[in-house]
């Protein structure tokens, strides 16, 4: 259940994170999904 919610949030978060920090984007999606 958490994974499903995190995936949707990570999609939006990744888009914003990618614009702010590109290198961190690689780790950002994983951190968001794990969190």
PDB file of N, CA and C in Angstrom:
ATOM      1  N   UNK A   1       0.840  -1.198   0.000  1.00  0.00           N
ATOM      2  CA  UNK A   1       0.000   0.000   0.000  1.00  0.00           C
ATOM      3  C   UNK A   1       0.875   1.248   0.000  1.00  0.00           C
ATOM      4  N   UNK A   2       1.870   1.250   0.863  1.00  0.00           N
ATOM      5  CA  UNK A   2       2.767   2.406   0.934  1.00  0.00           C
ATOM      6  C   UNK A   2       3.488   2.617  -0.392  1.00  0.00           C
ATOM      7  N   UNK A   3       3.880   1.496  -1.013  1.00  0.00           N
ATOM      8  CA  UNK A   3       4.619   1.588  -2.282  1.00  0.00           C
ATOM      9  C   UNK A   3       3.757   2.282  -3.341  1.00  0.00           C
ATOM     10  N   UNK A   4       2.482   1.908  -3.401  1.00  0.00           N
ATOM     11  CA  UNK A   4       1.586   2.504  -4.401  1.00  0.00           C
ATOM     12  C   UNK A   4       1.507   4.014  -4.232  1.00  0.00           C
ATOM     13  N   UNK A   5       1.322   4.452  -2.985  1.00  0.00           N
ATOM     14  CA  UNK A   5       1.224   5.892  -2.709  1.00  0.00           C
ATOM     15  C   UNK A   5       2.553   6.568  -3.007  1.00  0.00           C
ATOM     16  N   UNK A   6       3.655   5.944  -2.569  1.00  0.00           N
ATOM     17  CA  UNK A   6       4.975   6.529  -2.779  1.00  0.00           C
ATOM     18  C   UNK A   6       5.280   6.676  -4.264  1.00  0.00           C
ATOM     19  N   UNK A   7       4.852   5.695  -5.058  1.00  0.00           N
ATOM     20  CA  UNK A   7       5.123   5.743  -6.497  1.00  0.00           C
ATOM     21  C   UNK A   7       4.477   6.974  -7.119  1.00  0.00           C
ATOM     22  N   UNK A   8       3.228   7.238  -6.756  1.00  0.00           N
ATOM     23  CA  UNK A   8       2.528   8.407  -7.300  1.00  0.00           C
ATOM     24  C   UNK A   8       3.216   9.686  -6.835  1.00  0.00           C
ATOM     25  N   UNK A   9       3.559   9.740  -5.562  1.00  0.00           N
ATOM     26  CA  UNK A   9       4.220  10.927  -5.012  1.00  0.00           C
ATOM     27  C   UNK A   9       5.604  11.090  -5.626  1.00  0.00           C
ATOM     28  N   UNK A  10       6.306   9.970  -5.785  1.00  0.00           N
ATOM     29  CA  UNK A  10       7.662  10.024  -6.340  1.00  0.00           C
ATOM     30  C   UNK A  10       7.643  10.582  -7.757  1.00  0.00           C
ATOM     31  N   UNK A  11       6.590  10.264  -8.516  1.00  0.00           N
ATOM     32  CA  UNK A  11       6.494  10.764  -9.892  1.00  0.00           C
ATOM     33  C   UNK A  11       6.478  12.286  -9.901  1.00  0.00           C
ATOM     34  N   UNK A  12       5.665  12.868  -9.036  1.00  0.00           N
ATOM     35  CA  UNK A  12       5.583  14.332  -8.956  1.00  0.00           C
ATOM     36  C   UNK A  12       6.855  14.884  -8.324  1.00  0.00           C
ATOM     37  N   UNK A  13       7.296  14.240  -7.252  1.00  0.00           N
ATOM     38  CA  UNK A  13       8.506  14.690  -6.568  1.00  0.00           C
ATOM     39  C   UNK A  13       9.724  14.620  -7.471  1.00  0.00           C
ATOM     40  N   UNK A  14       9.803  13.562  -8.287  1.00  0.00           N
ATOM     41  CA  UNK A  14      10.941  13.418  -9.198  1.00  0.00           C
ATOM     42  C   UNK A  14      10.960  14.550 -10.215  1.00  0.00           C
ATOM     43  N   UNK A  15       9.789  14.912 -10.723  1.00  0.00           N
ATOM     44  CA  UNK A  15       9.708  15.995 -11.713  1.00  0.00           C
ATOM     45  C   UNK A  15      10.235  17.293 -11.117  1.00  0.00           C
ATOM     46  N   UNK A  16       9.817  17.592  -9.896  1.00  0.00           N
ATOM     47  CA  UNK A  16      10.265  18.819  -9.226  1.00  0.00           C
ATOM     48  C   UNK A  16      11.737  18.705  -8.861  1.00  0.00           C
ATOM     49  N   UNK A  17      12.125  17.555  -8.329  1.00  0.00           N
ATOM     50  CA  UNK A  17      13.516  17.351  -7.915  1.00  0.00           C
ATOM     51  C   UNK A  17      14.458  17.424  -9.108  1.00  0.00           C
ATOM     52  N   UNK A  18      14.017  16.881 -10.251  1.00  0.00           N
ATOM     53  CA  UNK A  18      14.859  16.882 -11.452  1.00  0.00           C
ATOM     54  C   UNK A  18      15.153  18.310 -11.893  1.00  0.00           C
ATOM     55  N   UNK A  19      14.188  19.196 -11.723  1.00  0.00           N
ATOM     56  CA  UNK A  19      14.395  20.595 -12.114  1.00  0.00           C
ATOM     57  C   UNK A  19      15.324  21.293 -11.134  1.00  0.00           C
ATOM     58  N   UNK A  20      15.190  20.940  -9.857  1.00  0.00           N
ATOM     59  CA  UNK A  20      16.040  21.572  -8.835  1.00  0.00           C
ATOM     60  C   UNK A  20      17.439  20.965  -8.866  1.00  0.00           C
ATOM     61  N   UNK A  21      17.496  19.643  -8.782  1.00  0.00           N
ATOM     62  CA  UNK A  21      18.807  18.977  -8.758  1.00  0.00           C
ATOM     63  C   UNK A  21      18.776  17.756  -9.672  1.00  0.00           C
ATOM     64  N   UNK A  22      19.528  17.807 -10.764  1.00  0.00           N
ATOM     65  CA  UNK A  22      19.546  16.676 -11.708  1.00  0.00           C
ATOM     66  C   UNK A  22      20.309  15.473 -11.160  1.00  0.00           C
ATOM     67  N   UNK A  23      21.531  15.641 -10.643  1.00  0.00           N
ATOM     68  CA  UNK A  23      22.300  14.508 -10.119  1.00  0.00           C
ATOM     69  C   UNK A  23      21.567  13.784  -8.995  1.00  0.00           C
ATOM     70  N   UNK A  24      20.889  14.545  -8.139  1.00  0.00           N
ATOM     71  CA  UNK A  24      20.171  13.949  -7.008  1.00  0.00           C
ATOM     72  C   UNK A  24      18.941  13.179  -7.485  1.00  0.00           C
ATOM     73  N   UNK A  25      18.470  13.498  -8.683  1.00  0.00           N
ATOM     74  CA  UNK A  25      17.279  12.835  -9.220  1.00  0.00           C
ATOM     75  C   UNK A  25      17.474  11.318  -9.259  1.00  0.00           C
ATOM     76  N   UNK A  26      18.689  10.885  -9.538  1.00  0.00           N
ATOM     77  CA  UNK A  26      18.973   9.450  -9.625  1.00  0.00           C
ATOM     78  C   UNK A  26      18.698   8.770  -8.285  1.00  0.00           C
ATOM     79  N   UNK A  27      19.060   9.440  -7.194  1.00  0.00           N
ATOM     80  CA  UNK A  27      18.856   8.863  -5.868  1.00  0.00           C
ATOM     81  C   UNK A  27      17.499   9.256  -5.296  1.00  0.00           C
ATOM     82  N   UNK A  28      16.994  10.410  -5.708  1.00  0.00           N
ATOM     83  CA  UNK A  28      15.726  10.917  -5.170  1.00  0.00           C
ATOM     84  C   UNK A  28      14.580   9.913  -5.323  1.00  0.00           C
ATOM     85  N   UNK A  29      14.329   9.384  -6.551  1.00  0.00           N
ATOM     86  CA  UNK A  29      13.209   8.457  -6.726  1.00  0.00           C
ATOM     87  C   UNK A  29      13.303   7.238  -5.808  1.00  0.00           C
ATOM     88  N   UNK A  30      14.532   6.731  -5.618  1.00  0.00           N
ATOM     89  CA  UNK A  30      14.694   5.573  -4.742  1.00  0.00           C
ATOM     90  C   UNK A  30      14.377   5.940  -3.295  1.00  0.00           C
ATOM     91  N   UNK A  31      14.882   7.094  -2.848  1.00  0.00           N
ATOM     92  CA  UNK A  31      14.638   7.524  -1.471  1.00  0.00           C
ATOM     93  C   UNK A  31      13.146   7.725  -1.224  1.00  0.00           C
ATOM     94  N   UNK A  32      12.469   8.338  -2.199  1.00  0.00           N
ATOM     95  CA  UNK A  32      11.037   8.591  -2.042  1.00  0.00           C
ATOM     96  C   UNK A  32      10.275   7.281  -1.963  1.00  0.00           C
ATOM     97  N   UNK A  33      10.610   6.330  -2.834  1.00  0.00           N
ATOM     98  CA  UNK A  33       9.915   5.045  -2.852  1.00  0.00           C
ATOM     99  C   UNK A  33      10.147   4.298  -1.543  1.00  0.00           C
ATOM    100  N   UNK A  34      11.394   4.317  -1.054  1.00  0.00           N
ATOM    101  CA  UNK A  34      11.709   3.628   0.196  1.00  0.00           C
ATOM    102  C   UNK A  34      10.986   4.295   1.356  1.00  0.00           C
ATOM    103  N   UNK A  35      10.946   5.623   1.332  1.00  0.00           N
ATOM    104  CA  UNK A  35      10.294   6.353   2.414  1.00  0.00           C
ATOM    105  C   UNK A  35       8.789   6.096   2.342  1.00  0.00           C
TER     106      UNK A  35
END
